[in-house]
Amino acid sequence: MADRASLELRVSVRLVVAVLVGAVAAAIFGYGIGRPLVDALLLGYVVAALVFSVPLLWTMMRVGPEETRRYLDGMDPTPSETDIVVIVSSVASLAGIAVMLTGGAHGASSSRQIGEAALAVGTVACGWLLLHTIYLLRYARQWYNAEPGCIDFNGDDTPAFTDFAYLAFTLGMTYQVSDTDLKTRAVRRIVLRHTLLSYLFGTVIVASTINLVIGLAT
């Protein structure tokens, strides 16, 4: 059984901690090492995304249906401030990648160009992970607190966080549902927004990876 204390540490608190840690990392990278501002901000975003997502996913993947229900008890099913902050920052990070890759590396050494390309790949990968983590929670809140049964997992068991992770990451990688059925218009709207954002991230991941490969080749 997962530690109850970790379950009671709400998502908003995790976000605040992640932002603070990311800000420290950005300050060290920017002012301490002397890297450009955009690079420092993107590195801070990477650190914040990992600090937020990895412990939260680790906690959620270890709990069963009853603990999932208790964890979600009282949480508003509508988009929270945390959801909005995370999604907006994730999309903003893509703009930062564009600024860095198009304007920051002209005339720079090949090692710096490769480093910036690698940072771009890491940034978009962490943003991708963060996006699906937030939507995992969004689906779980919708099922438990707004529309019980809105997602049919084709089984008799009450869903746990792992089931919602299955849905969120399947959508993130394939842009479609697999063996789950969406029963309501509201949840289909959530899925539509999720898949559109996932496609955007997927496109940037491919472009950033190509840029990194070109940098390594030259």
N, C-alpha and C. Protein backbone atom coordinates (compact mmCIF):
# COMPACT_ATOMS: atom_id res chain seq x y z
N MET A 1 0.85 -1.19 0.00
CA MET A 1 0.00 0.00 0.00
C MET A 1 0.88 1.24 0.00
N ALA A 2 0.51 2.21 -0.82
CA ALA A 2 1.30 3.43 -0.89
C ALA A 2 1.19 4.19 0.41
N ASP A 3 2.22 4.94 0.67
CA ASP A 3 2.25 5.76 1.87
C ASP A 3 1.10 6.77 1.82
N ARG A 4 0.28 6.75 2.88
CA ARG A 4 -0.88 7.63 2.89
C ARG A 4 -0.48 9.09 2.85
N ALA A 5 0.62 9.43 3.50
CA ALA A 5 1.05 10.83 3.52
C ALA A 5 1.33 11.33 2.11
N SER A 6 1.92 10.46 1.26
CA SER A 6 2.22 10.89 -0.10
C SER A 6 0.95 11.11 -0.90
N LEU A 7 -0.10 10.36 -0.60
CA LEU A 7 -1.36 10.53 -1.31
C LEU A 7 -2.05 11.83 -0.93
N GLU A 8 -1.83 12.28 0.28
CA GLU A 8 -2.48 13.49 0.75
C GLU A 8 -1.76 14.77 0.32
N LEU A 9 -0.58 14.59 -0.25
CA LEU A 9 0.15 15.75 -0.77
C LEU A 9 -0.47 16.14 -2.10
N ARG A 10 -1.28 17.14 -2.08
CA ARG A 10 -2.09 17.48 -3.23
C ARG A 10 -1.25 17.98 -4.41
N VAL A 11 -1.88 17.87 -5.57
CA VAL A 11 -1.18 18.19 -6.80
C VAL A 11 -0.69 19.63 -6.82
N SER A 12 -1.47 20.55 -6.30
CA SER A 12 -1.05 21.96 -6.30
C SER A 12 0.22 22.18 -5.49
N VAL A 13 0.36 21.44 -4.38
CA VAL A 13 1.57 21.56 -3.57
C VAL A 13 2.77 21.02 -4.34
N ARG A 14 2.57 19.90 -5.02
CA ARG A 14 3.65 19.33 -5.84
C ARG A 14 4.08 20.32 -6.92
N LEU A 15 3.10 21.02 -7.50
CA LEU A 15 3.43 21.97 -8.55
C LEU A 15 4.27 23.12 -8.01
N VAL A 16 3.91 23.63 -6.84
CA VAL A 16 4.67 24.73 -6.23
C VAL A 16 6.11 24.29 -5.96
N VAL A 17 6.27 23.10 -5.40
CA VAL A 17 7.61 22.58 -5.13
C VAL A 17 8.40 22.44 -6.43
N ALA A 18 7.76 21.90 -7.47
CA ALA A 18 8.43 21.71 -8.75
C ALA A 18 8.87 23.04 -9.35
N VAL A 19 8.01 24.04 -9.27
CA VAL A 19 8.35 25.36 -9.81
C VAL A 19 9.54 25.96 -9.07
N LEU A 20 9.56 25.83 -7.76
CA LEU A 20 10.67 26.37 -6.98
C LEU A 20 11.99 25.68 -7.33
N VAL A 21 11.96 24.36 -7.43
CA VAL A 21 13.17 23.62 -7.79
C VAL A 21 13.63 23.99 -9.20
N GLY A 22 12.66 24.09 -10.12
CA GLY A 22 13.00 24.49 -11.48
C GLY A 22 13.59 25.88 -11.56
N ALA A 23 13.07 26.80 -10.74
CA ALA A 23 13.60 28.16 -10.72
C ALA A 23 15.04 28.19 -10.23
N VAL A 24 15.34 27.39 -9.22
CA VAL A 24 16.71 27.31 -8.71
C VAL A 24 17.63 26.75 -9.79
N ALA A 25 17.19 25.70 -10.47
CA ALA A 25 18.01 25.11 -11.54
C ALA A 25 18.25 26.11 -12.66
N ALA A 26 17.21 26.86 -13.03
CA ALA A 26 17.37 27.86 -14.09
C ALA A 26 18.34 28.96 -13.68
N ALA A 27 18.26 29.38 -12.42
CA ALA A 27 19.16 30.43 -11.93
C ALA A 27 20.61 29.95 -11.94
N ILE A 28 20.83 28.72 -11.51
CA ILE A 28 22.19 28.18 -11.51
C ILE A 28 22.73 28.06 -12.93
N PHE A 29 21.89 27.56 -13.83
CA PHE A 29 22.31 27.36 -15.22
C PHE A 29 22.53 28.69 -15.93
N GLY A 30 21.67 29.67 -15.61
CA GLY A 30 21.78 30.95 -16.30
C GLY A 30 22.82 31.87 -15.71
N TYR A 31 22.72 32.12 -14.41
CA TYR A 31 23.62 33.08 -13.76
C TYR A 31 24.92 32.43 -13.29
N GLY A 32 24.82 31.20 -12.80
CA GLY A 32 26.01 30.54 -12.29
C GLY A 32 26.94 30.06 -13.38
N ILE A 33 26.37 29.49 -14.44
CA ILE A 33 27.18 28.93 -15.53
C ILE A 33 27.28 29.92 -16.69
N GLY A 34 26.32 30.85 -16.77
CA GLY A 34 26.39 31.87 -17.81
C GLY A 34 25.78 31.47 -19.13
N ARG A 35 24.81 30.56 -19.12
CA ARG A 35 24.15 30.18 -20.36
C ARG A 35 23.06 31.19 -20.71
N PRO A 36 22.65 31.24 -21.99
CA PRO A 36 21.60 32.19 -22.41
C PRO A 36 20.31 31.99 -21.62
N LEU A 37 19.52 33.07 -21.55
CA LEU A 37 18.30 33.05 -20.75
C LEU A 37 17.33 31.97 -21.21
N VAL A 38 17.14 31.85 -22.53
CA VAL A 38 16.18 30.85 -23.04
C VAL A 38 16.63 29.45 -22.65
N ASP A 39 17.92 29.16 -22.80
CA ASP A 39 18.44 27.85 -22.41
C ASP A 39 18.18 27.58 -20.93
N ALA A 40 18.44 28.59 -20.09
CA ALA A 40 18.26 28.42 -18.65
C ALA A 40 16.79 28.18 -18.31
N LEU A 41 15.90 28.92 -18.96
CA LEU A 41 14.47 28.73 -18.69
C LEU A 41 14.00 27.34 -19.11
N LEU A 42 14.49 26.87 -20.26
CA LEU A 42 14.09 25.54 -20.71
C LEU A 42 14.63 24.46 -19.79
N LEU A 43 15.87 24.62 -19.32
CA LEU A 43 16.41 23.64 -18.38
C LEU A 43 15.60 23.65 -17.08
N GLY A 44 15.25 24.85 -16.61
CA GLY A 44 14.41 24.93 -15.42
C GLY A 44 13.07 24.25 -15.62
N TYR A 45 12.52 24.39 -16.83
CA TYR A 45 11.25 23.72 -17.13
C TYR A 45 11.42 22.20 -17.10
N VAL A 46 12.51 21.70 -17.67
CA VAL A 46 12.77 20.26 -17.65
C VAL A 46 12.84 19.74 -16.22
N VAL A 47 13.59 20.43 -15.37
CA VAL A 47 13.72 20.02 -13.97
C VAL A 47 12.36 20.05 -13.28
N ALA A 48 11.61 21.14 -13.47
CA ALA A 48 10.30 21.26 -12.83
C ALA A 48 9.34 20.17 -13.30
N ALA A 49 9.36 19.87 -14.60
CA ALA A 49 8.47 18.84 -15.14
C ALA A 49 8.79 17.47 -14.54
N LEU A 50 10.06 17.16 -14.40
CA LEU A 50 10.45 15.87 -13.82
C LEU A 50 10.12 15.81 -12.34
N VAL A 51 10.38 16.89 -11.62
CA VAL A 51 10.09 16.91 -10.18
C VAL A 51 8.59 16.76 -9.94
N PHE A 52 7.78 17.32 -10.81
CA PHE A 52 6.33 17.21 -10.66
C PHE A 52 5.81 15.84 -11.10
N SER A 53 6.23 15.39 -12.28
CA SER A 53 5.61 14.21 -12.89
C SER A 53 6.07 12.89 -12.29
N VAL A 54 7.38 12.73 -12.13
CA VAL A 54 7.90 11.41 -11.75
C VAL A 54 7.41 10.96 -10.37
N PRO A 55 7.54 11.78 -9.31
CA PRO A 55 7.02 11.31 -8.01
C PRO A 55 5.50 11.10 -8.02
N LEU A 56 4.78 11.96 -8.75
CA LEU A 56 3.33 11.82 -8.80
C LEU A 56 2.93 10.53 -9.51
N LEU A 57 3.57 10.24 -10.63
CA LEU A 57 3.30 8.98 -11.33
C LEU A 57 3.68 7.78 -10.48
N TRP A 58 4.81 7.87 -9.79
CA TRP A 58 5.25 6.77 -8.92
C TRP A 58 4.21 6.49 -7.85
N THR A 59 3.66 7.54 -7.26
CA THR A 59 2.63 7.37 -6.23
C THR A 59 1.37 6.76 -6.82
N MET A 60 0.92 7.30 -7.95
CA MET A 60 -0.35 6.85 -8.52
C MET A 60 -0.28 5.43 -9.05
N MET A 61 0.86 5.03 -9.57
CA MET A 61 0.96 3.69 -10.12
C MET A 61 0.97 2.60 -9.05
N ARG A 62 1.09 2.97 -7.78
CA ARG A 62 1.18 1.99 -6.70
C ARG A 62 -0.13 1.83 -5.93
N VAL A 63 -1.19 2.54 -6.32
CA VAL A 63 -2.42 2.47 -5.55
C VAL A 63 -3.51 1.73 -6.31
N GLY A 64 -4.41 1.12 -5.57
CA GLY A 64 -5.53 0.40 -6.15
C GLY A 64 -6.76 1.27 -6.27
N PRO A 65 -7.89 0.68 -6.67
CA PRO A 65 -9.12 1.45 -6.88
C PRO A 65 -9.60 2.20 -5.65
N GLU A 66 -9.57 1.57 -4.48
CA GLU A 66 -10.09 2.24 -3.29
C GLU A 66 -9.23 3.44 -2.90
N GLU A 67 -7.92 3.28 -2.99
CA GLU A 67 -7.04 4.41 -2.68
C GLU A 67 -7.17 5.50 -3.75
N THR A 68 -7.40 5.08 -4.99
CA THR A 68 -7.65 6.06 -6.05
C THR A 68 -8.88 6.90 -5.72
N ARG A 69 -9.93 6.23 -5.29
CA ARG A 69 -11.16 6.94 -4.93
C ARG A 69 -10.92 7.92 -3.77
N ARG A 70 -10.18 7.47 -2.75
CA ARG A 70 -9.92 8.34 -1.60
C ARG A 70 -9.04 9.53 -2.00
N TYR A 71 -8.09 9.28 -2.86
CA TYR A 71 -7.20 10.35 -3.29
C TYR A 71 -7.97 11.43 -4.04
N LEU A 72 -8.96 11.01 -4.84
CA LEU A 72 -9.71 11.95 -5.67
C LEU A 72 -10.90 12.57 -4.94
N ASP A 73 -11.20 12.08 -3.75
CA ASP A 73 -12.37 12.55 -3.02
C ASP A 73 -12.31 14.06 -2.80
N GLY A 74 -13.34 14.74 -3.25
CA GLY A 74 -13.41 16.18 -3.06
C GLY A 74 -12.71 17.01 -4.10
N MET A 75 -11.98 16.40 -5.03
CA MET A 75 -11.29 17.17 -6.06
C MET A 75 -12.28 17.59 -7.14
N ASP A 76 -12.20 18.83 -7.55
CA ASP A 76 -13.10 19.38 -8.56
C ASP A 76 -12.83 18.71 -9.90
N PRO A 77 -13.87 18.17 -10.57
CA PRO A 77 -13.64 17.51 -11.85
C PRO A 77 -13.33 18.47 -12.99
N THR A 78 -13.68 19.74 -12.84
CA THR A 78 -13.41 20.70 -13.91
C THR A 78 -11.92 21.06 -13.93
N PRO A 79 -11.45 21.62 -15.04
CA PRO A 79 -10.03 21.97 -15.13
C PRO A 79 -9.60 22.88 -13.98
N SER A 80 -8.54 22.50 -13.30
CA SER A 80 -8.06 23.26 -12.15
C SER A 80 -7.01 24.27 -12.59
N GLU A 81 -6.63 25.14 -11.65
CA GLU A 81 -5.55 26.09 -11.94
C GLU A 81 -4.26 25.36 -12.28
N THR A 82 -4.04 24.23 -11.61
CA THR A 82 -2.84 23.43 -11.90
C THR A 82 -2.86 22.93 -13.33
N ASP A 83 -4.02 22.41 -13.78
CA ASP A 83 -4.14 21.95 -15.16
C ASP A 83 -3.78 23.06 -16.13
N ILE A 84 -4.35 24.23 -15.90
CA ILE A 84 -4.15 25.35 -16.82
C ILE A 84 -2.69 25.78 -16.83
N VAL A 85 -2.08 25.91 -15.65
CA VAL A 85 -0.68 26.32 -15.57
C VAL A 85 0.22 25.33 -16.29
N VAL A 86 -0.01 24.04 -16.07
CA VAL A 86 0.84 23.02 -16.68
C VAL A 86 0.69 23.01 -18.19
N ILE A 87 -0.54 23.06 -18.68
CA ILE A 87 -0.76 23.00 -20.13
C ILE A 87 -0.21 24.24 -20.82
N VAL A 88 -0.46 25.42 -20.25
CA VAL A 88 0.04 26.65 -20.85
C VAL A 88 1.57 26.68 -20.84
N SER A 89 2.18 26.25 -19.74
CA SER A 89 3.65 26.24 -19.67
C SER A 89 4.24 25.23 -20.65
N SER A 90 3.54 24.11 -20.84
CA SER A 90 4.03 23.10 -21.78
C SER A 90 4.02 23.64 -23.20
N VAL A 91 2.94 24.31 -23.58
CA VAL A 91 2.88 24.89 -24.92
C VAL A 91 3.89 26.02 -25.06
N ALA A 92 4.05 26.83 -23.99
CA ALA A 92 5.03 27.91 -24.03
C ALA A 92 6.45 27.38 -24.20
N SER A 93 6.72 26.21 -23.63
CA SER A 93 8.06 25.63 -23.77
C SER A 93 8.38 25.33 -25.23
N LEU A 94 7.34 25.00 -26.02
CA LEU A 94 7.56 24.75 -27.44
C LEU A 94 8.01 26.04 -28.15
N ALA A 95 7.42 27.16 -27.75
CA ALA A 95 7.86 28.44 -28.31
C ALA A 95 9.30 28.74 -27.92
N GLY A 96 9.66 28.40 -26.68
CA GLY A 96 11.04 28.58 -26.24
C GLY A 96 12.01 27.75 -27.05
N ILE A 97 11.61 26.53 -27.39
CA ILE A 97 12.45 25.68 -28.22
C ILE A 97 12.68 26.33 -29.58
N ALA A 98 11.60 26.87 -30.17
CA ALA A 98 11.72 27.51 -31.48
C ALA A 98 12.67 28.70 -31.42
N VAL A 99 12.57 29.51 -30.36
CA VAL A 99 13.46 30.66 -30.20
C VAL A 99 14.91 30.21 -30.08
N MET A 100 15.14 29.18 -29.27
CA MET A 100 16.50 28.72 -29.05
C MET A 100 17.11 28.16 -30.33
N LEU A 101 16.37 27.33 -31.05
CA LEU A 101 16.93 26.65 -32.20
C LEU A 101 17.08 27.56 -33.41
N THR A 102 16.21 28.56 -33.54
CA THR A 102 16.28 29.44 -34.71
C THR A 102 17.16 30.66 -34.50
N GLY A 103 17.32 31.08 -33.25
CA GLY A 103 18.06 32.31 -33.02
C GLY A 103 19.29 32.19 -32.16
N GLY A 104 19.37 31.12 -31.37
CA GLY A 104 20.43 31.07 -30.38
C GLY A 104 21.72 30.44 -30.82
N ALA A 105 21.70 29.65 -31.88
CA ALA A 105 22.88 28.87 -32.22
C ALA A 105 23.62 29.35 -33.46
N HIS A 106 23.19 30.47 -34.07
CA HIS A 106 23.88 30.97 -35.25
C HIS A 106 25.31 31.36 -34.90
N GLY A 107 26.27 30.80 -35.60
CA GLY A 107 27.66 31.10 -35.35
C GLY A 107 28.25 30.41 -34.15
N ALA A 108 27.46 29.58 -33.49
CA ALA A 108 27.94 28.89 -32.30
C ALA A 108 28.74 27.65 -32.71
N SER A 109 29.50 27.13 -31.76
CA SER A 109 30.27 25.92 -32.03
C SER A 109 29.34 24.73 -32.22
N SER A 110 29.88 23.69 -32.86
CA SER A 110 29.05 22.50 -33.10
C SER A 110 28.63 21.85 -31.79
N SER A 111 29.50 21.87 -30.78
CA SER A 111 29.13 21.26 -29.50
C SER A 111 27.97 22.00 -28.85
N ARG A 112 27.96 23.32 -28.97
CA ARG A 112 26.85 24.08 -28.41
C ARG A 112 25.56 23.80 -29.18
N GLN A 113 25.66 23.72 -30.50
CA GLN A 113 24.47 23.42 -31.30
C GLN A 113 23.90 22.07 -30.93
N ILE A 114 24.77 21.08 -30.73
CA ILE A 114 24.30 19.75 -30.33
C ILE A 114 23.68 19.81 -28.95
N GLY A 115 24.31 20.57 -28.04
CA GLY A 115 23.76 20.70 -26.70
C GLY A 115 22.38 21.33 -26.70
N GLU A 116 22.19 22.36 -27.53
CA GLU A 116 20.89 23.01 -27.60
C GLU A 116 19.85 22.10 -28.24
N ALA A 117 20.26 21.33 -29.24
CA ALA A 117 19.33 20.38 -29.85
C ALA A 117 18.92 19.31 -28.85
N ALA A 118 19.89 18.83 -28.05
CA ALA A 118 19.57 17.83 -27.03
C ALA A 118 18.65 18.41 -25.96
N LEU A 119 18.87 19.67 -25.58
CA LEU A 119 17.99 20.33 -24.62
C LEU A 119 16.58 20.46 -25.19
N ALA A 120 16.48 20.74 -26.49
CA ALA A 120 15.17 20.84 -27.12
C ALA A 120 14.43 19.51 -27.05
N VAL A 121 15.13 18.42 -27.37
CA VAL A 121 14.51 17.09 -27.30
C VAL A 121 14.08 16.78 -25.87
N GLY A 122 14.95 17.07 -24.90
CA GLY A 122 14.61 16.81 -23.51
C GLY A 122 13.43 17.63 -23.04
N THR A 123 13.38 18.89 -23.48
CA THR A 123 12.28 19.77 -23.08
C THR A 123 10.95 19.26 -23.59
N VAL A 124 10.89 18.92 -24.87
CA VAL A 124 9.61 18.49 -25.43
C VAL A 124 9.22 17.12 -24.88
N ALA A 125 10.20 16.26 -24.60
CA ALA A 125 9.88 14.95 -24.02
C ALA A 125 9.30 15.11 -22.61
N CYS A 126 9.89 16.01 -21.82
CA CYS A 126 9.36 16.24 -20.47
C CYS A 126 8.00 16.91 -20.52
N GLY A 127 7.81 17.82 -21.48
CA GLY A 127 6.49 18.42 -21.65
C GLY A 127 5.45 17.40 -22.04
N TRP A 128 5.83 16.46 -22.88
CA TRP A 128 4.94 15.36 -23.28
C TRP A 128 4.54 14.53 -22.07
N LEU A 129 5.50 14.17 -21.23
CA LEU A 129 5.22 13.40 -20.03
C LEU A 129 4.31 14.18 -19.08
N LEU A 130 4.59 15.45 -18.92
CA LEU A 130 3.80 16.29 -18.02
C LEU A 130 2.37 16.42 -18.51
N LEU A 131 2.20 16.60 -19.80
CA LEU A 131 0.86 16.75 -20.38
C LEU A 131 0.00 15.52 -20.10
N HIS A 132 0.55 14.34 -20.31
CA HIS A 132 -0.25 13.13 -20.13
C HIS A 132 -0.49 12.82 -18.66
N THR A 133 0.43 13.24 -17.81
CA THR A 133 0.21 13.08 -16.37
C THR A 133 -0.98 13.91 -15.92
N ILE A 134 -1.07 15.14 -16.42
CA ILE A 134 -2.20 16.01 -16.06
C ILE A 134 -3.51 15.45 -16.61
N TYR A 135 -3.47 14.95 -17.85
CA TYR A 135 -4.71 14.41 -18.42
C TYR A 135 -5.10 13.09 -17.76
N LEU A 136 -4.14 12.34 -17.29
CA LEU A 136 -4.44 11.14 -16.48
C LEU A 136 -5.33 11.54 -15.30
N LEU A 137 -4.90 12.55 -14.56
CA LEU A 137 -5.68 13.04 -13.43
C LEU A 137 -7.02 13.60 -13.87
N ARG A 138 -7.05 14.25 -15.02
CA ARG A 138 -8.30 14.83 -15.53
C ARG A 138 -9.32 13.74 -15.81
N TYR A 139 -8.91 12.66 -16.44
CA TYR A 139 -9.83 11.55 -16.72
C TYR A 139 -10.31 10.90 -15.43
N ALA A 140 -9.39 10.73 -14.49
CA ALA A 140 -9.77 10.11 -13.22
C ALA A 140 -10.79 10.96 -12.47
N ARG A 141 -10.58 12.28 -12.43
CA ARG A 141 -11.53 13.16 -11.76
C ARG A 141 -12.88 13.14 -12.46
N GLN A 142 -12.86 13.09 -13.78
CA GLN A 142 -14.11 13.06 -14.53
C GLN A 142 -14.90 11.79 -14.22
N TRP A 143 -14.20 10.67 -14.14
CA TRP A 143 -14.87 9.38 -13.91
C TRP A 143 -15.42 9.31 -12.48
N TYR A 144 -14.63 9.71 -11.51
CA TYR A 144 -15.01 9.53 -10.11
C TYR A 144 -15.90 10.66 -9.58
N ASN A 145 -15.69 11.88 -10.04
CA ASN A 145 -16.35 13.02 -9.40
C ASN A 145 -17.37 13.73 -10.27
N ALA A 146 -17.49 13.38 -11.54
CA ALA A 146 -18.44 14.06 -12.41
C ALA A 146 -19.37 13.09 -13.14
N GLU A 147 -18.80 12.12 -13.83
CA GLU A 147 -19.59 11.20 -14.64
C GLU A 147 -19.12 9.76 -14.43
N PRO A 148 -19.50 9.13 -13.34
CA PRO A 148 -19.09 7.73 -13.12
C PRO A 148 -19.50 6.85 -14.30
N GLY A 149 -18.53 6.10 -14.81
CA GLY A 149 -18.80 5.23 -15.94
C GLY A 149 -18.66 5.90 -17.29
N CYS A 150 -18.18 7.17 -17.33
CA CYS A 150 -18.07 7.86 -18.61
C CYS A 150 -17.03 7.23 -19.52
N ILE A 151 -16.11 6.49 -18.95
CA ILE A 151 -15.12 5.72 -19.72
C ILE A 151 -15.32 4.26 -19.37
N ASP A 152 -15.59 3.45 -20.39
CA ASP A 152 -15.82 2.02 -20.17
C ASP A 152 -14.52 1.28 -20.50
N PHE A 153 -13.94 0.67 -19.46
CA PHE A 153 -12.70 -0.08 -19.65
C PHE A 153 -12.97 -1.54 -19.99
N ASN A 154 -14.22 -1.86 -20.26
CA ASN A 154 -14.63 -3.22 -20.66
C ASN A 154 -14.21 -4.27 -19.65
N GLY A 155 -14.50 -3.98 -18.40
CA GLY A 155 -14.24 -4.92 -17.32
C GLY A 155 -15.13 -4.61 -16.15
N ASP A 156 -15.16 -5.51 -15.20
CA ASP A 156 -16.02 -5.33 -14.03
C ASP A 156 -15.31 -4.61 -12.89
N ASP A 157 -13.99 -4.48 -12.96
CA ASP A 157 -13.23 -3.86 -11.87
C ASP A 157 -13.41 -2.34 -11.88
N THR A 158 -13.44 -1.76 -10.70
CA THR A 158 -13.43 -0.30 -10.58
C THR A 158 -12.05 0.21 -11.01
N PRO A 159 -12.00 1.23 -11.86
CA PRO A 159 -10.70 1.67 -12.37
C PRO A 159 -9.81 2.31 -11.31
N ALA A 160 -8.53 2.10 -11.46
CA ALA A 160 -7.51 2.74 -10.63
C ALA A 160 -6.72 3.71 -11.51
N PHE A 161 -5.76 4.39 -10.91
CA PHE A 161 -4.96 5.34 -11.68
C PHE A 161 -4.26 4.67 -12.86
N THR A 162 -3.88 3.41 -12.71
CA THR A 162 -3.19 2.73 -13.81
C THR A 162 -4.09 2.63 -15.04
N ASP A 163 -5.39 2.46 -14.84
CA ASP A 163 -6.31 2.39 -15.98
C ASP A 163 -6.38 3.73 -16.70
N PHE A 164 -6.43 4.81 -15.94
CA PHE A 164 -6.48 6.13 -16.57
C PHE A 164 -5.13 6.48 -17.21
N ALA A 165 -4.04 5.99 -16.65
CA ALA A 165 -2.73 6.17 -17.28
C ALA A 165 -2.68 5.44 -18.61
N TYR A 166 -3.25 4.24 -18.63
CA TYR A 166 -3.33 3.47 -19.88
C TYR A 166 -4.04 4.27 -20.96
N LEU A 167 -5.17 4.88 -20.61
CA LEU A 167 -5.92 5.68 -21.57
C LEU A 167 -5.13 6.91 -22.00
N ALA A 168 -4.58 7.64 -21.04
CA ALA A 168 -3.90 8.90 -21.34
C ALA A 168 -2.67 8.69 -22.23
N PHE A 169 -1.85 7.70 -21.90
CA PHE A 169 -0.62 7.50 -22.67
C PHE A 169 -0.89 6.80 -24.00
N THR A 170 -1.96 6.01 -24.08
CA THR A 170 -2.36 5.46 -25.38
C THR A 170 -2.77 6.58 -26.32
N LEU A 171 -3.57 7.52 -25.82
CA LEU A 171 -3.95 8.68 -26.63
C LEU A 171 -2.72 9.50 -27.00
N GLY A 172 -1.79 9.63 -26.07
CA GLY A 172 -0.60 10.43 -26.32
C GLY A 172 0.30 9.85 -27.39
N MET A 173 0.30 8.52 -27.53
CA MET A 173 1.20 7.87 -28.48
C MET A 173 0.53 7.52 -29.80
N THR A 174 -0.79 7.32 -29.79
CA THR A 174 -1.47 6.88 -31.01
C THR A 174 -2.55 7.85 -31.48
N TYR A 175 -2.90 8.83 -30.65
CA TYR A 175 -3.94 9.82 -30.95
C TYR A 175 -5.32 9.18 -31.13
N GLN A 176 -5.52 8.04 -30.53
CA GLN A 176 -6.82 7.37 -30.59
C GLN A 176 -6.97 6.44 -29.39
N VAL A 177 -8.24 6.11 -29.06
CA VAL A 177 -8.48 5.14 -28.01
C VAL A 177 -8.27 3.75 -28.57
N SER A 178 -8.01 2.79 -27.68
CA SER A 178 -7.80 1.42 -28.14
C SER A 178 -9.02 0.57 -27.80
N ASP A 179 -9.01 -0.07 -26.63
CA ASP A 179 -10.12 -0.95 -26.26
C ASP A 179 -10.97 -0.34 -25.15
N THR A 180 -10.99 0.97 -25.06
CA THR A 180 -11.86 1.66 -24.11
C THR A 180 -12.94 2.42 -24.88
N ASP A 181 -14.11 2.56 -24.27
CA ASP A 181 -15.22 3.25 -24.91
C ASP A 181 -15.54 4.54 -24.16
N LEU A 182 -15.73 5.60 -24.91
CA LEU A 182 -16.07 6.90 -24.34
C LEU A 182 -17.58 7.07 -24.40
N LYS A 183 -18.22 7.23 -23.24
CA LYS A 183 -19.67 7.14 -23.16
C LYS A 183 -20.39 8.49 -23.17
N THR A 184 -19.69 9.59 -22.93
CA THR A 184 -20.37 10.87 -22.83
C THR A 184 -19.71 11.92 -23.71
N ARG A 185 -20.49 12.94 -24.05
CA ARG A 185 -19.96 14.03 -24.87
C ARG A 185 -18.86 14.79 -24.14
N ALA A 186 -19.04 14.96 -22.83
CA ALA A 186 -18.06 15.73 -22.06
C ALA A 186 -16.68 15.08 -22.10
N VAL A 187 -16.61 13.78 -21.91
CA VAL A 187 -15.31 13.12 -21.91
C VAL A 187 -14.72 13.08 -23.31
N ARG A 188 -15.57 13.03 -24.33
CA ARG A 188 -15.06 13.08 -25.70
C ARG A 188 -14.44 14.44 -26.00
N ARG A 189 -15.00 15.50 -25.44
CA ARG A 189 -14.39 16.83 -25.62
C ARG A 189 -13.01 16.88 -24.97
N ILE A 190 -12.90 16.29 -23.78
CA ILE A 190 -11.60 16.25 -23.11
C ILE A 190 -10.59 15.49 -23.95
N VAL A 191 -11.01 14.35 -24.49
CA VAL A 191 -10.12 13.53 -25.32
C VAL A 191 -9.70 14.29 -26.58
N LEU A 192 -10.63 15.04 -27.18
CA LEU A 192 -10.29 15.81 -28.38
C LEU A 192 -9.19 16.83 -28.09
N ARG A 193 -9.33 17.57 -27.00
CA ARG A 193 -8.29 18.55 -26.65
C ARG A 193 -6.96 17.85 -26.37
N HIS A 194 -7.04 16.72 -25.69
CA HIS A 194 -5.83 15.96 -25.35
C HIS A 194 -5.11 15.49 -26.61
N THR A 195 -5.85 14.92 -27.56
CA THR A 195 -5.20 14.39 -28.76
C THR A 195 -4.63 15.51 -29.64
N LEU A 196 -5.29 16.65 -29.69
CA LEU A 196 -4.74 17.77 -30.47
C LEU A 196 -3.41 18.25 -29.88
N LEU A 197 -3.36 18.38 -28.55
CA LEU A 197 -2.11 18.77 -27.90
C LEU A 197 -1.04 17.68 -28.08
N SER A 198 -1.45 16.43 -28.00
CA SER A 198 -0.51 15.32 -28.18
C SER A 198 0.10 15.34 -29.58
N TYR A 199 -0.73 15.63 -30.57
CA TYR A 199 -0.23 15.70 -31.94
C TYR A 199 0.79 16.84 -32.09
N LEU A 200 0.49 17.97 -31.46
CA LEU A 200 1.43 19.09 -31.49
C LEU A 200 2.77 18.69 -30.90
N PHE A 201 2.74 18.04 -29.74
CA PHE A 201 3.99 17.61 -29.11
C PHE A 201 4.70 16.56 -29.95
N GLY A 202 3.95 15.63 -30.52
CA GLY A 202 4.56 14.60 -31.35
C GLY A 202 5.29 15.20 -32.54
N THR A 203 4.69 16.21 -33.16
CA THR A 203 5.31 16.87 -34.30
C THR A 203 6.62 17.55 -33.90
N VAL A 204 6.60 18.23 -32.76
CA VAL A 204 7.81 18.93 -32.30
C VAL A 204 8.89 17.94 -31.88
N ILE A 205 8.49 16.81 -31.30
CA ILE A 205 9.47 15.78 -30.94
C ILE A 205 10.21 15.29 -32.18
N VAL A 206 9.46 15.02 -33.25
CA VAL A 206 10.09 14.56 -34.49
C VAL A 206 11.03 15.63 -35.05
N ALA A 207 10.56 16.88 -35.08
CA ALA A 207 11.38 17.97 -35.62
C ALA A 207 12.64 18.18 -34.78
N SER A 208 12.51 18.13 -33.46
CA SER A 208 13.67 18.33 -32.59
C SER A 208 14.67 17.19 -32.73
N THR A 209 14.16 15.97 -32.88
CA THR A 209 15.04 14.82 -33.04
C THR A 209 15.81 14.90 -34.35
N ILE A 210 15.12 15.30 -35.42
CA ILE A 210 15.79 15.48 -36.71
C ILE A 210 16.89 16.53 -36.60
N ASN A 211 16.59 17.62 -35.91
CA ASN A 211 17.58 18.68 -35.73
C ASN A 211 18.79 18.18 -34.96
N LEU A 212 18.55 17.33 -33.94
CA LEU A 212 19.65 16.77 -33.17
C LEU A 212 20.50 15.84 -34.03
N VAL A 213 19.85 15.00 -34.84
CA VAL A 213 20.58 14.07 -35.70
C VAL A 213 21.43 14.83 -36.72
N ILE A 214 20.86 15.90 -37.29
CA ILE A 214 21.63 16.72 -38.24
C ILE A 214 22.84 17.34 -37.56
N GLY A 215 22.65 17.81 -36.32
CA GLY A 215 23.77 18.38 -35.58
C GLY A 215 24.86 17.36 -35.31
N LEU A 216 24.47 16.14 -34.97
CA LEU A 216 25.46 15.10 -34.73
C LEU A 216 26.18 14.71 -36.02
N ALA A 217 25.45 14.73 -37.14
CA ALA A 217 26.05 14.32 -38.40
C ALA A 217 27.03 15.35 -38.94
N THR A 218 26.80 16.62 -38.59
CA THR A 218 27.67 17.66 -39.15
C THR A 218 28.72 18.13 -38.16
